[in-house]
Amino acid sequence: MNIKKSILPRIALPFVASALFLGATSAYAENRSFSFFSFANGSNFSFPGLFFDGQTKGELKITRTSPNDFPPSPSEFTIQKLSFDFENAPDFTASGFQYQPQTNSYTTKINNLWVFRSVVVEVTNIDPSYHSFQYKISVPTSETFVGPDLPGPFSNDVILLDGQAELVDTTPFKVVDTASVKINGKRLSIKLNGNLSSNNNPNDGMIGEGIEINMLWQGRGEKLAYIPVPTDLNIKPIAFNLETISVGNGNSEYLYSVSYEENGGTFETPRQPLQPLLDDTFISF
């Protein structure tokens, strides 16, 4: 936490980066976890114990790459694991995905899954804000069933199921900085999440996405709040900054900003008054 004091009313001081911030050029990888649900579109294929229609849920784990990676990564992220939990078919987990630049997709091949020698899992159209993705599970034309008495090979790829999945961010809160002040005589504790995140549950606090902070205000409870990301590129929040502003008659206000890393440099979000953020987050009913 950086706390500054100023005797100038309502005037933000220019940002002075520390030597540590100016020297921050190391690469980093951000691990993200999601749960998802989807209504799969099954094919005409049927086999006892394999019914793919209906609700499908699972987990997706990815690692966002860094612009400082060497050798450079061909894609924005890598898929570490994709798990499917079916209502009427055995579950499975896929890994070993490879990025396909020609189709901007991620594919992997799983041997001896269900009654097949192999299946191909393809992931496409992952939303840049991680709200959704599309998937397809198919049997290659050159492969056959595992069982010797079952028909094959196929004349065309058989799509077993495909669909679009809605993502819910389950990445653990990673505390990278903290701050603590008194507001209206009550202690306010703030934690900064090193991972960008989102919230769609009004009971947890502000509805939004971006730079996430957790605020515990004595007598008011614990809530999540969000600061808009100032760029479309991948950033890494690193510090929560508070500045005390004298407004006369012995009164003070707080301004806040967040320092973040982007492409090896360190930047800061615009300074904003803290009180409106508290008002929006801790709404009185």
Protein backbone atom coordinates (compact mmCIF):
# COMPACT_ATOMS: atom_id res chain seq x y z
CA MET A 1 0.00 0.00 0.00
CA ASN A 2 1.22 3.50 -0.82
CA ILE A 3 -0.24 6.31 1.33
CA LYS A 4 0.49 9.94 0.55
CA LYS A 5 -0.60 13.13 2.26
CA SER A 6 -1.29 16.48 0.65
CA ILE A 7 -2.32 19.83 2.07
CA LEU A 8 -3.70 20.94 -1.29
CA PRO A 9 -7.46 20.46 -1.38
CA ARG A 10 -8.76 18.09 -4.07
CA ILE A 11 -5.56 18.20 -6.16
CA ALA A 12 -4.00 14.86 -7.08
CA LEU A 13 -0.22 14.78 -6.92
CA PRO A 14 1.78 13.53 -9.92
CA PHE A 15 2.70 9.87 -9.81
CA VAL A 16 6.29 9.07 -8.89
CA ALA A 17 7.24 5.47 -9.61
CA SER A 18 9.62 3.74 -7.24
CA ALA A 19 12.86 2.26 -8.48
CA LEU A 20 11.38 -1.16 -7.89
CA PHE A 21 8.43 -0.39 -10.16
CA LEU A 22 10.63 1.10 -12.88
CA GLY A 23 12.77 -2.01 -12.89
CA ALA A 24 9.89 -4.44 -13.17
CA THR A 25 10.35 -6.24 -16.46
CA SER A 26 10.07 -9.91 -15.48
CA ALA A 27 7.66 -12.21 -17.29
CA TYR A 28 4.68 -13.57 -15.45
CA ALA A 29 2.01 -16.14 -16.09
CA GLU A 30 -1.50 -15.81 -14.76
CA ASN A 31 -3.41 -18.99 -13.93
CA ARG A 32 -7.19 -18.75 -14.23
CA SER A 33 -9.87 -21.26 -13.21
CA PHE A 34 -13.49 -21.38 -14.35
CA SER A 35 -16.54 -23.54 -13.92
CA PHE A 36 -19.00 -23.76 -16.79
CA PHE A 37 -22.41 -25.06 -17.76
CA SER A 38 -23.81 -25.78 -21.19
CA PHE A 39 -26.68 -27.44 -23.00
CA ALA A 40 -24.90 -29.75 -25.44
CA ASN A 41 -26.11 -30.48 -28.95
CA GLY A 42 -25.82 -34.24 -29.34
CA SER A 43 -25.55 -36.04 -32.71
CA ASN A 44 -27.57 -38.93 -34.09
CA PHE A 45 -24.99 -41.30 -32.67
CA SER A 46 -26.25 -43.45 -29.81
CA PHE A 47 -24.74 -46.20 -27.71
CA PRO A 48 -25.86 -47.68 -24.37
CA GLY A 49 -24.58 -45.46 -21.57
CA LEU A 50 -23.62 -42.59 -23.91
CA PHE A 51 -26.33 -39.93 -24.13
CA PHE A 52 -24.87 -36.48 -24.64
CA ASP A 53 -28.01 -34.35 -24.90
CA GLY A 54 -28.91 -32.24 -21.89
CA GLN A 55 -27.02 -30.12 -19.42
CA THR A 56 -23.25 -30.41 -19.32
CA LYS A 57 -20.99 -28.81 -16.74
CA GLY A 58 -17.31 -28.84 -15.96
CA GLU A 59 -14.12 -26.89 -15.31
CA LEU A 60 -11.65 -24.99 -17.50
CA LYS A 61 -8.14 -24.03 -16.39
CA ILE A 62 -5.92 -21.77 -18.49
CA THR A 63 -2.63 -19.92 -18.17
CA ARG A 64 -2.37 -16.49 -19.71
CA THR A 65 0.96 -15.98 -21.42
CA SER A 66 3.26 -13.00 -20.96
CA PRO A 67 4.53 -10.68 -23.70
CA ASN A 68 7.99 -11.26 -22.20
CA ASP A 69 7.88 -15.04 -22.74
CA PHE A 70 10.82 -16.44 -24.69
CA PRO A 71 10.34 -17.98 -27.09
CA PRO A 72 7.19 -15.91 -27.70
CA SER A 73 3.91 -17.74 -27.28
CA PRO A 74 1.79 -18.03 -30.45
CA SER A 75 -1.43 -17.44 -28.51
CA GLU A 76 -2.75 -15.31 -25.66
CA PHE A 77 -3.03 -18.29 -23.31
CA THR A 78 -2.69 -22.06 -23.05
CA ILE A 79 -5.39 -24.50 -21.94
CA GLN A 80 -4.12 -26.60 -19.06
CA LYS A 81 -7.21 -28.72 -18.44
CA LEU A 82 -10.81 -29.07 -19.58
CA SER A 83 -13.15 -31.35 -17.60
CA PHE A 84 -16.65 -32.43 -18.62
CA ASP A 85 -19.32 -33.69 -16.22
CA PHE A 86 -22.21 -35.26 -18.13
CA GLU A 87 -25.65 -36.24 -16.88
CA ASN A 88 -25.86 -39.46 -18.90
CA ALA A 89 -22.30 -40.34 -19.95
CA PRO A 90 -19.00 -41.04 -18.14
CA ASP A 91 -17.06 -37.88 -17.28
CA PHE A 92 -13.59 -37.16 -18.63
CA THR A 93 -10.75 -34.64 -18.44
CA ALA A 94 -8.75 -33.44 -21.45
CA SER A 95 -5.25 -31.96 -21.40
CA GLY A 96 -2.35 -31.55 -23.83
CA PHE A 97 -4.13 -28.94 -25.96
CA GLN A 98 -2.23 -27.49 -28.91
CA TYR A 99 -2.96 -24.10 -30.44
CA GLN A 100 -3.93 -24.19 -34.14
CA PRO A 101 -3.15 -20.76 -35.65
CA GLN A 102 -4.95 -21.54 -38.93
CA THR A 103 -8.30 -21.93 -37.15
CA ASN A 104 -7.52 -20.00 -33.92
CA SER A 105 -8.58 -23.09 -31.99
CA TYR A 106 -7.16 -25.45 -29.37
CA THR A 107 -7.29 -29.20 -29.97
CA THR A 108 -6.26 -32.40 -28.23
CA LYS A 109 -6.68 -36.10 -28.96
CA ILE A 110 -7.71 -38.59 -26.27
CA ASN A 111 -7.10 -42.29 -26.84
CA ASN A 112 -9.45 -45.07 -25.70
CA LEU A 113 -12.25 -42.84 -24.47
CA TRP A 114 -15.68 -44.40 -24.02
CA VAL A 115 -16.11 -46.96 -26.86
CA PHE A 116 -13.73 -45.21 -29.27
CA ARG A 117 -10.07 -45.65 -30.12
CA SER A 118 -9.76 -41.88 -29.92
CA VAL A 119 -11.75 -38.65 -29.86
CA VAL A 120 -10.75 -35.09 -30.68
CA VAL A 121 -11.69 -32.21 -28.36
CA GLU A 122 -11.69 -28.76 -29.96
CA VAL A 123 -12.13 -25.44 -28.15
CA THR A 124 -12.89 -22.23 -30.08
CA ASN A 125 -14.12 -18.68 -29.55
CA ILE A 126 -12.99 -18.17 -25.99
CA ASP A 127 -14.41 -14.76 -25.10
CA PRO A 128 -11.66 -12.17 -24.38
CA SER A 129 -13.40 -11.37 -21.09
CA TYR A 130 -13.80 -15.09 -20.32
CA HIS A 131 -17.59 -15.17 -20.38
CA SER A 132 -17.99 -18.14 -22.73
CA PHE A 133 -16.35 -20.58 -25.13
CA GLN A 134 -17.42 -23.12 -27.73
CA TYR A 135 -16.44 -26.78 -27.86
CA LYS A 136 -16.76 -29.80 -30.13
CA ILE A 137 -16.05 -33.48 -29.42
CA SER A 138 -15.71 -35.71 -32.48
CA VAL A 139 -14.39 -39.06 -33.70
CA PRO A 140 -11.75 -38.83 -36.49
CA THR A 141 -12.52 -40.44 -39.84
CA SER A 142 -9.50 -42.70 -39.61
CA GLU A 143 -10.44 -44.15 -36.26
CA THR A 144 -12.86 -46.90 -35.33
CA PHE A 145 -14.63 -48.19 -32.27
CA VAL A 146 -12.61 -49.99 -29.63
CA GLY A 147 -14.86 -53.05 -29.70
CA PRO A 148 -14.06 -55.55 -32.51
CA ASP A 149 -17.74 -56.14 -33.32
CA LEU A 150 -18.66 -52.47 -33.68
CA PRO A 151 -18.80 -50.65 -37.03
CA GLY A 152 -16.05 -48.42 -38.40
CA PRO A 153 -14.14 -46.62 -39.75
CA PHE A 154 -16.48 -43.71 -40.42
CA SER A 155 -16.82 -42.10 -43.83
CA ASN A 156 -16.99 -38.68 -42.17
CA ASP A 157 -15.99 -37.26 -38.82
CA VAL A 158 -18.72 -38.04 -36.32
CA ILE A 159 -19.50 -35.07 -34.07
CA LEU A 160 -20.57 -36.58 -30.76
CA LEU A 161 -21.57 -33.25 -29.23
CA ASP A 162 -20.92 -29.54 -29.48
CA GLY A 163 -22.13 -26.45 -27.70
CA GLN A 164 -21.40 -23.10 -26.12
CA ALA A 165 -20.49 -22.94 -22.44
CA GLU A 166 -21.04 -20.04 -20.04
CA LEU A 167 -18.03 -19.41 -17.81
CA VAL A 168 -17.96 -18.51 -14.10
CA ASP A 169 -14.61 -17.31 -12.75
CA THR A 170 -13.47 -19.48 -9.82
CA THR A 171 -9.85 -18.27 -9.71
CA PRO A 172 -8.80 -17.95 -6.04
CA PHE A 173 -8.37 -14.40 -4.73
CA LYS A 174 -4.64 -13.64 -4.78
CA VAL A 175 -3.75 -10.92 -2.26
CA VAL A 176 -0.90 -8.79 -3.63
CA ASP A 177 -1.38 -5.64 -1.53
CA THR A 178 -3.43 -4.38 1.42
CA ALA A 179 -4.52 -1.04 2.85
CA SER A 180 -6.23 0.01 6.08
CA VAL A 181 -7.80 3.36 7.01
CA LYS A 182 -10.57 4.76 9.21
CA ILE A 183 -13.68 6.07 7.46
CA ASN A 184 -16.31 7.75 9.62
CA GLY A 185 -14.62 6.31 12.68
CA LYS A 186 -14.82 2.72 11.39
CA ARG A 187 -11.84 0.66 10.24
CA LEU A 188 -11.78 -0.15 6.50
CA SER A 189 -9.47 -2.96 5.34
CA ILE A 190 -8.79 -3.34 1.61
CA LYS A 191 -7.20 -6.27 -0.22
CA LEU A 192 -6.09 -6.10 -3.87
CA ASN A 193 -6.53 -9.17 -6.08
CA GLY A 194 -3.53 -9.87 -8.31
CA ASN A 195 -5.91 -11.54 -10.79
CA LEU A 196 -8.53 -9.70 -12.81
CA SER A 197 -11.96 -11.01 -11.90
CA SER A 198 -15.72 -10.39 -12.03
CA ASN A 199 -18.86 -10.66 -9.92
CA ASN A 200 -22.46 -11.28 -10.96
CA ASN A 201 -23.90 -11.81 -7.47
CA PRO A 202 -25.21 -8.60 -5.85
CA ASN A 203 -24.93 -10.22 -2.42
CA ASP A 204 -21.15 -10.24 -2.82
CA GLY A 205 -20.92 -6.53 -3.56
CA MET A 206 -20.61 -4.47 -6.71
CA ILE A 207 -21.66 -6.07 -10.00
CA GLY A 208 -18.78 -5.65 -12.42
CA GLU A 209 -15.43 -6.89 -13.68
CA GLY A 210 -11.86 -5.73 -13.91
CA ILE A 211 -9.42 -4.96 -11.10
CA GLU A 212 -10.95 -6.57 -8.01
CA ILE A 213 -10.64 -5.42 -4.42
CA ASN A 214 -12.12 -6.90 -1.25
CA MET A 215 -13.27 -4.35 1.34
CA LEU A 216 -14.06 -5.20 4.95
CA TRP A 217 -15.68 -2.19 6.65
CA GLN A 218 -16.31 -2.46 10.38
CA GLY A 219 -20.04 -2.45 11.03
CA ARG A 220 -20.90 -2.61 7.31
CA GLY A 221 -19.67 -6.03 6.25
CA GLU A 222 -17.37 -7.43 3.55
CA LYS A 223 -17.89 -6.68 -0.15
CA LEU A 224 -16.18 -6.91 -3.54
CA ALA A 225 -15.64 -3.83 -5.71
CA TYR A 226 -14.26 -3.32 -9.21
CA ILE A 227 -12.05 -0.75 -10.89
CA PRO A 228 -12.28 -0.65 -14.70
CA VAL A 229 -9.25 -1.97 -16.54
CA PRO A 230 -7.70 1.01 -18.38
CA THR A 231 -6.54 -1.06 -21.37
CA ASP A 232 -7.63 -4.00 -23.50
CA LEU A 233 -4.31 -5.73 -22.97
CA ASN A 234 -3.33 -8.14 -20.22
CA ILE A 235 -2.38 -6.34 -17.02
CA LYS A 236 -1.20 -7.42 -13.59
CA PRO A 237 -2.38 -5.39 -10.54
CA ILE A 238 0.48 -4.94 -8.07
CA ALA A 239 -0.31 -2.13 -5.59
CA PHE A 240 -3.28 -0.29 -4.10
CA ASN A 241 -2.49 3.40 -3.51
CA LEU A 242 -4.25 5.78 -1.11
CA GLU A 243 -3.67 9.52 -0.94
CA THR A 244 -4.95 11.75 1.85
CA ILE A 245 -6.35 15.11 0.74
CA SER A 246 -7.00 17.97 3.16
CA VAL A 247 -10.32 19.68 2.41
CA GLY A 248 -10.17 22.28 5.18
CA ASN A 249 -11.61 22.60 8.70
CA GLY A 250 -9.51 19.65 9.79
CA ASN A 251 -11.30 17.29 7.40
CA SER A 252 -9.67 14.89 4.97
CA GLU A 253 -10.69 12.76 2.00
CA TYR A 254 -9.03 9.80 0.33
CA LEU A 255 -8.13 9.28 -3.29
CA TYR A 256 -7.27 5.82 -4.58
CA SER A 257 -5.53 4.32 -7.59
CA VAL A 258 -4.06 0.97 -8.57
CA SER A 259 -0.55 0.40 -9.92
CA TYR A 260 -0.29 -2.34 -12.53
CA GLU A 261 2.24 -3.96 -14.82
CA GLU A 262 1.73 -4.06 -18.58
CA ASN A 263 4.26 -5.19 -21.20
CA GLY A 264 7.11 -4.87 -18.72
CA GLY A 265 6.23 -1.31 -17.64
CA THR A 266 4.40 0.00 -14.58
CA PHE A 267 1.40 2.32 -14.81
CA GLU A 268 -1.34 3.70 -12.59
CA THR A 269 -5.10 4.01 -12.96
CA PRO A 270 -6.60 7.53 -12.68
CA ARG A 271 -7.01 8.76 -9.12
CA GLN A 272 -10.59 8.64 -7.90
CA PRO A 273 -12.32 9.65 -4.63
CA LEU A 274 -12.74 6.64 -2.33
CA GLN A 275 -16.10 7.66 -0.81
CA PRO A 276 -18.22 7.18 -3.99
CA LEU A 277 -16.76 3.69 -4.38
CA LEU A 278 -17.79 2.90 -0.81
CA ASP A 279 -21.26 4.31 -1.40
CA ASP A 280 -21.73 2.20 -4.54
CA THR A 281 -20.43 -0.96 -2.87
CA PHE A 282 -22.01 -0.75 0.57
CA ILE A 283 -25.52 0.21 -0.52
CA SER A 284 -27.94 0.90 2.32
CA PHE A 285 -31.37 -0.69 1.95
